[in-house]
Amino acid sequence: MIDNSLLNDLSKRLSALIPAASGLRDELRTKIEQTVKATFQEFDLLTREEFESQAQALQRAETRIAELESLINELEKRLDKNEV
């Protein structure tokens, strides 16, 4: 999991090493940031936002599974009562 602020800080530091006009420096910073993001994506790393989104989706799925398990148990009990 990576933090976007880490990417921004890294790209700022790398572009600051290049003594050039500010317009060129900004363009270079953008390219560095894109390259770093692409490299991190190759390693299948997630940004914090992506991780949090996936964690929320997992929590919703776990909640729904628990609800369905409870419903199945209730239905099984009803079936058992009707069979007796």
PDB file of N, CA and C in Angstrom:
ATOM      1  N   MET A   1       0.859  -1.156   0.000  1.00  0.00           N
ATOM      2  CA  MET A   1       0.000   0.000   0.000  1.00  0.00           C
ATOM      3  C   MET A   1       0.907   1.221   0.000  1.00  0.00           C
ATOM      4  N   ILE A   2       0.575   2.189  -0.864  1.00  0.00           N
ATOM      5  CA  ILE A   2       1.375   3.408  -0.942  1.00  0.00           C
ATOM      6  C   ILE A   2       0.493   4.601  -0.684  1.00  0.00           C
ATOM      7  N   ASP A   3       1.118   5.662  -0.289  1.00  0.00           N
ATOM      8  CA  ASP A   3       0.411   6.896   0.016  1.00  0.00           C
ATOM      9  C   ASP A   3       0.720   7.899  -1.092  1.00  0.00           C
ATOM     10  N   ASN A   4      -0.305   8.589  -1.608  1.00  0.00           N
ATOM     11  CA  ASN A   4      -0.077   9.563  -2.671  1.00  0.00           C
ATOM     12  C   ASN A   4       0.880  10.660  -2.243  1.00  0.00           C
ATOM     13  N   SER A   5       0.897  11.007  -0.965  1.00  0.00           N
ATOM     14  CA  SER A   5       1.816  12.036  -0.503  1.00  0.00           C
ATOM     15  C   SER A   5       3.258  11.568  -0.666  1.00  0.00           C
ATOM     16  N   LEU A   6       3.495  10.263  -0.536  1.00  0.00           N
ATOM     17  CA  LEU A   6       4.826   9.716  -0.766  1.00  0.00           C
ATOM     18  C   LEU A   6       5.231   9.920  -2.215  1.00  0.00           C
ATOM     19  N   LEU A   7       4.310   9.642  -3.131  1.00  0.00           N
ATOM     20  CA  LEU A   7       4.601   9.847  -4.554  1.00  0.00           C
ATOM     21  C   LEU A   7       4.898  11.310  -4.845  1.00  0.00           C
ATOM     22  N   ASN A   8       4.075  12.201  -4.300  1.00  0.00           N
ATOM     23  CA  ASN A   8       4.281  13.628  -4.534  1.00  0.00           C
ATOM     24  C   ASN A   8       5.614  14.086  -3.970  1.00  0.00           C
ATOM     25  N   ASP A   9       5.938  13.654  -2.768  1.00  0.00           N
ATOM     26  CA  ASP A   9       7.190  14.054  -2.139  1.00  0.00           C
ATOM     27  C   ASP A   9       8.377  13.538  -2.930  1.00  0.00           C
ATOM     28  N   LEU A  10       8.310  12.282  -3.344  1.00  0.00           N
ATOM     29  CA  LEU A  10       9.390  11.690  -4.118  1.00  0.00           C
ATOM     30  C   LEU A  10       9.590  12.421  -5.442  1.00  0.00           C
ATOM     31  N   SER A  11       8.501  12.716  -6.151  1.00  0.00           N
ATOM     32  CA  SER A  11       8.630  13.398  -7.432  1.00  0.00           C
ATOM     33  C   SER A  11       9.139  14.825  -7.256  1.00  0.00           C
ATOM     34  N   LYS A  12       8.723  15.516  -6.167  1.00  0.00           N
ATOM     35  CA  LYS A  12       9.230  16.865  -5.897  1.00  0.00           C
ATOM     36  C   LYS A  12      10.723  16.845  -5.633  1.00  0.00           C
ATOM     37  N   ARG A  13      11.156  15.872  -4.840  1.00  0.00           N
ATOM     38  CA  ARG A  13      12.579  15.790  -4.518  1.00  0.00           C
ATOM     39  C   ARG A  13      13.423  15.483  -5.749  1.00  0.00           C
ATOM     40  N   LEU A  14      12.939  14.561  -6.568  1.00  0.00           N
ATOM     41  CA  LEU A  14      13.693  14.221  -7.776  1.00  0.00           C
ATOM     42  C   LEU A  14      13.749  15.386  -8.754  1.00  0.00           C
ATOM     43  N   SER A  15      12.629  16.079  -8.935  1.00  0.00           N
ATOM     44  CA  SER A  15      12.624  17.204  -9.875  1.00  0.00           C
ATOM     45  C   SER A  15      13.430  18.382  -9.337  1.00  0.00           C
ATOM     46  N   ALA A  16      13.541  18.514  -8.007  1.00  0.00           N
ATOM     47  CA  ALA A  16      14.336  19.596  -7.428  1.00  0.00           C
ATOM     48  C   ALA A  16      15.827  19.398  -7.696  1.00  0.00           C
ATOM     49  N   LEU A  17      16.238  18.184  -7.974  1.00  0.00           N
ATOM     50  CA  LEU A  17      17.637  17.918  -8.281  1.00  0.00           C
ATOM     51  C   LEU A  17      18.039  18.433  -9.657  1.00  0.00           C
ATOM     52  N   ILE A  18      17.057  18.709 -10.476  1.00  0.00           N
ATOM     53  CA  ILE A  18      17.309  19.166 -11.840  1.00  0.00           C
ATOM     54  C   ILE A  18      17.267  20.698 -11.872  1.00  0.00           C
ATOM     55  N   PRO A  19      18.413  21.347 -12.099  1.00  0.00           N
ATOM     56  CA  PRO A  19      18.397  22.811 -12.183  1.00  0.00           C
ATOM     57  C   PRO A  19      17.907  23.248 -13.568  1.00  0.00           C
ATOM     58  N   ALA A  20      16.643  23.658 -13.646  1.00  0.00           N
ATOM     59  CA  ALA A  20      16.060  24.057 -14.921  1.00  0.00           C
ATOM     60  C   ALA A  20      14.996  25.105 -14.671  1.00  0.00           C
ATOM     61  N   ALA A  21      14.452  25.633 -15.752  1.00  0.00           N
ATOM     62  CA  ALA A  21      13.373  26.610 -15.645  1.00  0.00           C
ATOM     63  C   ALA A  21      12.178  25.949 -14.964  1.00  0.00           C
ATOM     64  N   SER A  22      11.385  26.750 -14.262  1.00  0.00           N
ATOM     65  CA  SER A  22      10.295  26.185 -13.472  1.00  0.00           C
ATOM     66  C   SER A  22       9.288  25.431 -14.332  1.00  0.00           C
ATOM     67  N   GLY A  23       9.005  25.901 -15.539  1.00  0.00           N
ATOM     68  CA  GLY A  23       8.056  25.215 -16.420  1.00  0.00           C
ATOM     69  C   GLY A  23       8.553  23.829 -16.782  1.00  0.00           C
ATOM     70  N   LEU A  24       9.819  23.748 -17.114  1.00  0.00           N
ATOM     71  CA  LEU A  24      10.417  22.457 -17.449  1.00  0.00           C
ATOM     72  C   LEU A  24      10.472  21.565 -16.208  1.00  0.00           C
ATOM     73  N   ARG A  25      10.759  22.164 -15.067  1.00  0.00           N
ATOM     74  CA  ARG A  25      10.819  21.405 -13.815  1.00  0.00           C
ATOM     75  C   ARG A  25       9.444  20.816 -13.490  1.00  0.00           C
ATOM     76  N   ASP A  26       8.385  21.603 -13.681  1.00  0.00           N
ATOM     77  CA  ASP A  26       7.033  21.102 -13.417  1.00  0.00           C
ATOM     78  C   ASP A  26       6.675  19.950 -14.349  1.00  0.00           C
ATOM     79  N   GLU A  27       7.055  20.103 -15.611  1.00  0.00           N
ATOM     80  CA  GLU A  27       6.784  19.040 -16.588  1.00  0.00           C
ATOM     81  C   GLU A  27       7.562  17.773 -16.225  1.00  0.00           C
ATOM     82  N   LEU A  28       8.806  17.954 -15.835  1.00  0.00           N
ATOM     83  CA  LEU A  28       9.635  16.822 -15.445  1.00  0.00           C
ATOM     84  C   LEU A  28       9.067  16.158 -14.189  1.00  0.00           C
ATOM     85  N   ARG A  29       8.609  16.980 -13.244  1.00  0.00           N
ATOM     86  CA  ARG A  29       8.013  16.448 -12.001  1.00  0.00           C
ATOM     87  C   ARG A  29       6.793  15.588 -12.323  1.00  0.00           C
ATOM     88  N   THR A  30       5.970  16.049 -13.266  1.00  0.00           N
ATOM     89  CA  THR A  30       4.794  15.285 -13.666  1.00  0.00           C
ATOM     90  C   THR A  30       5.203  13.957 -14.290  1.00  0.00           C
ATOM     91  N   LYS A  31       6.209  13.996 -15.156  1.00  0.00           N
ATOM     92  CA  LYS A  31       6.677  12.762 -15.797  1.00  0.00           C
ATOM     93  C   LYS A  31       7.271  11.793 -14.771  1.00  0.00           C
ATOM     94  N   ILE A  32       8.017  12.332 -13.811  1.00  0.00           N
ATOM     95  CA  ILE A  32       8.588  11.482 -12.770  1.00  0.00           C
ATOM     96  C   ILE A  32       7.470  10.834 -11.959  1.00  0.00           C
ATOM     97  N   GLU A  33       6.468  11.633 -11.605  1.00  0.00           N
ATOM     98  CA  GLU A  33       5.346  11.119 -10.824  1.00  0.00           C
ATOM     99  C   GLU A  33       4.627  10.011 -11.597  1.00  0.00           C
ATOM    100  N   GLN A  34       4.414  10.212 -12.889  1.00  0.00           N
ATOM    101  CA  GLN A  34       3.749   9.194 -13.707  1.00  0.00           C
ATOM    102  C   GLN A  34       4.584   7.912 -13.768  1.00  0.00           C
ATOM    103  N   THR A  35       5.898   8.081 -13.900  1.00  0.00           N
ATOM    104  CA  THR A  35       6.785   6.919 -13.974  1.00  0.00           C
ATOM    105  C   THR A  35       6.791   6.154 -12.664  1.00  0.00           C
ATOM    106  N   VAL A  36       6.851   6.878 -11.561  1.00  0.00           N
ATOM    107  CA  VAL A  36       6.842   6.221 -10.253  1.00  0.00           C
ATOM    108  C   VAL A  36       5.522   5.487 -10.042  1.00  0.00           C
ATOM    109  N   LYS A  37       4.394   6.118 -10.387  1.00  0.00           N
ATOM    110  CA  LYS A  37       3.095   5.465 -10.241  1.00  0.00           C
ATOM    111  C   LYS A  37       3.024   4.204 -11.095  1.00  0.00           C
ATOM    112  N   ALA A  38       3.506   4.301 -12.334  1.00  0.00           N
ATOM    113  CA  ALA A  38       3.476   3.145 -13.229  1.00  0.00           C
ATOM    114  C   ALA A  38       4.338   2.014 -12.674  1.00  0.00           C
ATOM    115  N   THR A  39       5.488   2.363 -12.115  1.00  0.00           N
ATOM    116  CA  THR A  39       6.371   1.348 -11.535  1.00  0.00           C
ATOM    117  C   THR A  39       5.703   0.683 -10.344  1.00  0.00           C
ATOM    118  N   PHE A  40       5.069   1.481  -9.477  1.00  0.00           N
ATOM    119  CA  PHE A  40       4.372   0.909  -8.330  1.00  0.00           C
ATOM    120  C   PHE A  40       3.220   0.018  -8.780  1.00  0.00           C
ATOM    121  N   GLN A  41       2.538   0.388  -9.863  1.00  0.00           N
ATOM    122  CA  GLN A  41       1.441  -0.437 -10.364  1.00  0.00           C
ATOM    123  C   GLN A  41       1.957  -1.779 -10.874  1.00  0.00           C
ATOM    124  N   GLU A  42       3.159  -1.778 -11.444  1.00  0.00           N
ATOM    125  CA  GLU A  42       3.748  -3.035 -11.902  1.00  0.00           C
ATOM    126  C   GLU A  42       3.982  -3.977 -10.736  1.00  0.00           C
ATOM    127  N   PHE A  43       4.244  -3.417  -9.564  1.00  0.00           N
ATOM    128  CA  PHE A  43       4.448  -4.227  -8.365  1.00  0.00           C
ATOM    129  C   PHE A  43       3.134  -4.551  -7.675  1.00  0.00           C
ATOM    130  N   ASP A  44       2.019  -4.149  -8.271  1.00  0.00           N
ATOM    131  CA  ASP A  44       0.683  -4.365  -7.722  1.00  0.00           C
ATOM    132  C   ASP A  44       0.507  -3.731  -6.343  1.00  0.00           C
ATOM    133  N   LEU A  45       1.099  -2.563  -6.153  1.00  0.00           N
ATOM    134  CA  LEU A  45       0.922  -1.831  -4.904  1.00  0.00           C
ATOM    135  C   LEU A  45      -0.315  -0.954  -5.019  1.00  0.00           C
ATOM    136  N   LEU A  46      -1.005  -0.765  -3.907  1.00  0.00           N
ATOM    137  CA  LEU A  46      -2.217   0.051  -3.875  1.00  0.00           C
ATOM    138  C   LEU A  46      -1.938   1.388  -3.222  1.00  0.00           C
ATOM    139  N   THR A  47      -2.653   2.398  -3.675  1.00  0.00           N
ATOM    140  CA  THR A  47      -2.607   3.660  -2.954  1.00  0.00           C
ATOM    141  C   THR A  47      -3.445   3.500  -1.694  1.00  0.00           C
ATOM    142  N   ARG A  48      -3.286   4.392  -0.754  1.00  0.00           N
ATOM    143  CA  ARG A  48      -4.069   4.333   0.485  1.00  0.00           C
ATOM    144  C   ARG A  48      -5.554   4.405   0.159  1.00  0.00           C
ATOM    145  N   GLU A  49      -5.937   5.254  -0.794  1.00  0.00           N
ATOM    146  CA  GLU A  49      -7.343   5.392  -1.158  1.00  0.00           C
ATOM    147  C   GLU A  49      -7.881   4.087  -1.725  1.00  0.00           C
ATOM    148  N   GLU A  50      -7.100   3.438  -2.590  1.00  0.00           N
ATOM    149  CA  GLU A  50      -7.530   2.163  -3.161  1.00  0.00           C
ATOM    150  C   GLU A  50      -7.648   1.089  -2.075  1.00  0.00           C
ATOM    151  N   PHE A  51      -6.679   1.083  -1.159  1.00  0.00           N
ATOM    152  CA  PHE A  51      -6.713   0.110  -0.074  1.00  0.00           C
ATOM    153  C   PHE A  51      -7.951   0.309   0.799  1.00  0.00           C
ATOM    154  N   GLU A  52      -8.214   1.562   1.164  1.00  0.00           N
ATOM    155  CA  GLU A  52      -9.377   1.849   2.008  1.00  0.00           C
ATOM    156  C   GLU A  52     -10.678   1.496   1.302  1.00  0.00           C
ATOM    157  N   SER A  53     -10.749   1.762   0.012  1.00  0.00           N
ATOM    158  CA  SER A  53     -11.934   1.409  -0.766  1.00  0.00           C
ATOM    159  C   SER A  53     -12.137  -0.106  -0.782  1.00  0.00           C
ATOM    160  N   GLN A  54     -11.058  -0.849  -0.992  1.00  0.00           N
ATOM    161  CA  GLN A  54     -11.146  -2.309  -0.998  1.00  0.00           C
ATOM    162  C   GLN A  54     -11.516  -2.843   0.390  1.00  0.00           C
ATOM    163  N   ALA A  55     -10.969  -2.226   1.438  1.00  0.00           N
ATOM    164  CA  ALA A  55     -11.286  -2.647   2.803  1.00  0.00           C
ATOM    165  C   ALA A  55     -12.767  -2.422   3.109  1.00  0.00           C
ATOM    166  N   GLN A  56     -13.319  -1.293   2.644  1.00  0.00           N
ATOM    167  CA  GLN A  56     -14.743  -1.013   2.847  1.00  0.00           C
ATOM    168  C   GLN A  56     -15.609  -2.012   2.085  1.00  0.00           C
ATOM    169  N   ALA A  57     -15.216  -2.322   0.859  1.00  0.00           N
ATOM    170  CA  ALA A  57     -15.970  -3.295   0.065  1.00  0.00           C
ATOM    171  C   ALA A  57     -15.936  -4.669   0.738  1.00  0.00           C
ATOM    172  N   LEU A  58     -14.786  -5.031   1.271  1.00  0.00           N
ATOM    173  CA  LEU A  58     -14.668  -6.304   1.976  1.00  0.00           C
ATOM    174  C   LEU A  58     -15.549  -6.320   3.222  1.00  0.00           C
ATOM    175  N   GLN A  59     -15.580  -5.224   3.952  1.00  0.00           N
ATOM    176  CA  GLN A  59     -16.422  -5.147   5.154  1.00  0.00           C
ATOM    177  C   GLN A  59     -17.896  -5.299   4.794  1.00  0.00           C
ATOM    178  N   ARG A  60     -18.321  -4.627   3.713  1.00  0.00           N
ATOM    179  CA  ARG A  60     -19.717  -4.763   3.275  1.00  0.00           C
ATOM    180  C   ARG A  60     -20.022  -6.209   2.887  1.00  0.00           C
ATOM    181  N   ALA A  61     -19.084  -6.854   2.196  1.00  0.00           N
ATOM    182  CA  ALA A  61     -19.287  -8.246   1.779  1.00  0.00           C
ATOM    183  C   ALA A  61     -19.366  -9.163   2.996  1.00  0.00           C
ATOM    184  N   GLU A  62     -18.492  -8.941   3.973  1.00  0.00           N
ATOM    185  CA  GLU A  62     -18.521  -9.772   5.183  1.00  0.00           C
ATOM    186  C   GLU A  62     -19.829  -9.589   5.941  1.00  0.00           C
ATOM    187  N   THR A  63     -20.326  -8.365   6.004  1.00  0.00           N
ATOM    188  CA  THR A  63     -21.596  -8.094   6.674  1.00  0.00           C
ATOM    189  C   THR A  63     -22.732  -8.816   5.955  1.00  0.00           C
ATOM    190  N   ARG A  64     -22.733  -8.736   4.636  1.00  0.00           N
ATOM    191  CA  ARG A  64     -23.787  -9.387   3.852  1.00  0.00           C
ATOM    192  C   ARG A  64     -23.722 -10.905   3.998  1.00  0.00           C
ATOM    193  N   ILE A  65     -22.527 -11.454   4.019  1.00  0.00           N
ATOM    194  CA  ILE A  65     -22.372 -12.902   4.196  1.00  0.00           C
ATOM    195  C   ILE A  65     -22.931 -13.329   5.549  1.00  0.00           C
ATOM    196  N   ALA A  66     -22.634 -12.554   6.591  1.00  0.00           N
ATOM    197  CA  ALA A  66     -23.153 -12.873   7.928  1.00  0.00           C
ATOM    198  C   ALA A  66     -24.674 -12.820   7.928  1.00  0.00           C
ATOM    199  N   GLU A  67     -25.256 -11.830   7.252  1.00  0.00           N
ATOM    200  CA  GLU A  67     -26.720 -11.733   7.165  1.00  0.00           C
ATOM    201  C   GLU A  67     -27.300 -12.951   6.458  1.00  0.00           C
ATOM    202  N   LEU A  68     -26.678 -13.348   5.372  1.00  0.00           N
ATOM    203  CA  LEU A  68     -27.175 -14.498   4.604  1.00  0.00           C
ATOM    204  C   LEU A  68     -27.017 -15.797   5.388  1.00  0.00           C
ATOM    205  N   GLU A  69     -25.909 -15.942   6.118  1.00  0.00           N
ATOM    206  CA  GLU A  69     -25.735 -17.136   6.946  1.00  0.00           C
ATOM    207  C   GLU A  69     -26.820 -17.211   8.015  1.00  0.00           C
ATOM    208  N   SER A  70     -27.141 -16.084   8.606  1.00  0.00           N
ATOM    209  CA  SER A  70     -28.197 -16.038   9.614  1.00  0.00           C
ATOM    210  C   SER A  70     -29.539 -16.418   9.003  1.00  0.00           C
ATOM    211  N   LEU A  71     -29.820 -15.898   7.817  1.00  0.00           N
ATOM    212  CA  LEU A  71     -31.064 -16.220   7.129  1.00  0.00           C
ATOM    213  C   LEU A  71     -31.140 -17.708   6.799  1.00  0.00           C
ATOM    214  N   ILE A  72     -30.049 -18.270   6.335  1.00  0.00           N
ATOM    215  CA  ILE A  72     -30.014 -19.703   6.019  1.00  0.00           C
ATOM    216  C   ILE A  72     -30.268 -20.526   7.269  1.00  0.00           C
ATOM    217  N   ASN A  73     -29.637 -20.153   8.369  1.00  0.00           N
ATOM    218  CA  ASN A  73     -29.854 -20.882   9.625  1.00  0.00           C
ATOM    219  C   ASN A  73     -31.319 -20.818  10.061  1.00  0.00           C
ATOM    220  N   GLU A  74     -31.918 -19.664   9.929  1.00  0.00           N
ATOM    221  CA  GLU A  74     -33.334 -19.498  10.295  1.00  0.00           C
ATOM    222  C   GLU A  74     -34.220 -20.357   9.410  1.00  0.00           C
ATOM    223  N   LEU A  75     -33.951 -20.348   8.118  1.00  0.00           N
ATOM    224  CA  LEU A  75     -34.742 -21.163   7.192  1.00  0.00           C
ATOM    225  C   LEU A  75     -34.564 -22.654   7.466  1.00  0.00           C
ATOM    226  N   GLU A  76     -33.344 -23.073   7.799  1.00  0.00           N
ATOM    227  CA  GLU A  76     -33.112 -24.478   8.130  1.00  0.00           C
ATOM    228  C   GLU A  76     -33.891 -24.881   9.378  1.00  0.00           C
ATOM    229  N   LYS A  77     -33.941 -24.006  10.364  1.00  0.00           N
ATOM    230  CA  LYS A  77     -34.716 -24.291  11.578  1.00  0.00           C
ATOM    231  C   LYS A  77     -36.191 -24.434  11.258  1.00  0.00           C
ATOM    232  N   ARG A  78     -36.705 -23.574  10.396  1.00  0.00           N
ATOM    233  CA  ARG A  78     -38.112 -23.656   9.987  1.00  0.00           C
ATOM    234  C   ARG A  78     -38.392 -24.968   9.285  1.00  0.00           C
ATOM    235  N   LEU A  79     -37.471 -25.364   8.407  1.00  0.00           N
ATOM    236  CA  LEU A  79     -37.630 -26.633   7.699  1.00  0.00           C
ATOM    237  C   LEU A  79     -37.613 -27.813   8.663  1.00  0.00           C
ATOM    238  N   ASP A  80     -36.724 -27.765   9.630  1.00  0.00           N
ATOM    239  CA  ASP A  80     -36.639 -28.845  10.626  1.00  0.00           C
ATOM    240  C   ASP A  80     -37.932 -28.940  11.406  1.00  0.00           C
ATOM    241  N   LYS A  81     -38.529 -27.822  11.776  1.00  0.00           N
ATOM    242  CA  LYS A  81     -39.794 -27.819  12.524  1.00  0.00           C
ATOM    243  C   LYS A  81     -40.919 -28.394  11.686  1.00  0.00           C
ATOM    244  N   ASN A  82     -40.939 -28.100  10.396  1.00  0.00           N
ATOM    245  CA  ASN A  82     -41.999 -28.578   9.519  1.00  0.00           C
ATOM    246  C   ASN A  82     -41.865 -30.069   9.223  1.00  0.00           C
ATOM    247  N   GLU A  83     -40.652 -30.600   9.295  1.00  0.00           N
ATOM    248  CA  GLU A  83     -40.436 -32.015   9.006  1.00  0.00           C
ATOM    249  C   GLU A  83     -40.825 -32.892  10.179  1.00  0.00           C
ATOM    250  N   VAL A  84     -40.845 -32.346  11.365  1.00  0.00           N
ATOM    251  CA  VAL A  84     -41.145 -33.148  12.565  1.00  0.00           C
ATOM    252  C   VAL A  84     -42.602 -33.341  12.745  1.00  0.00           C
TER     253      VAL A  84
END
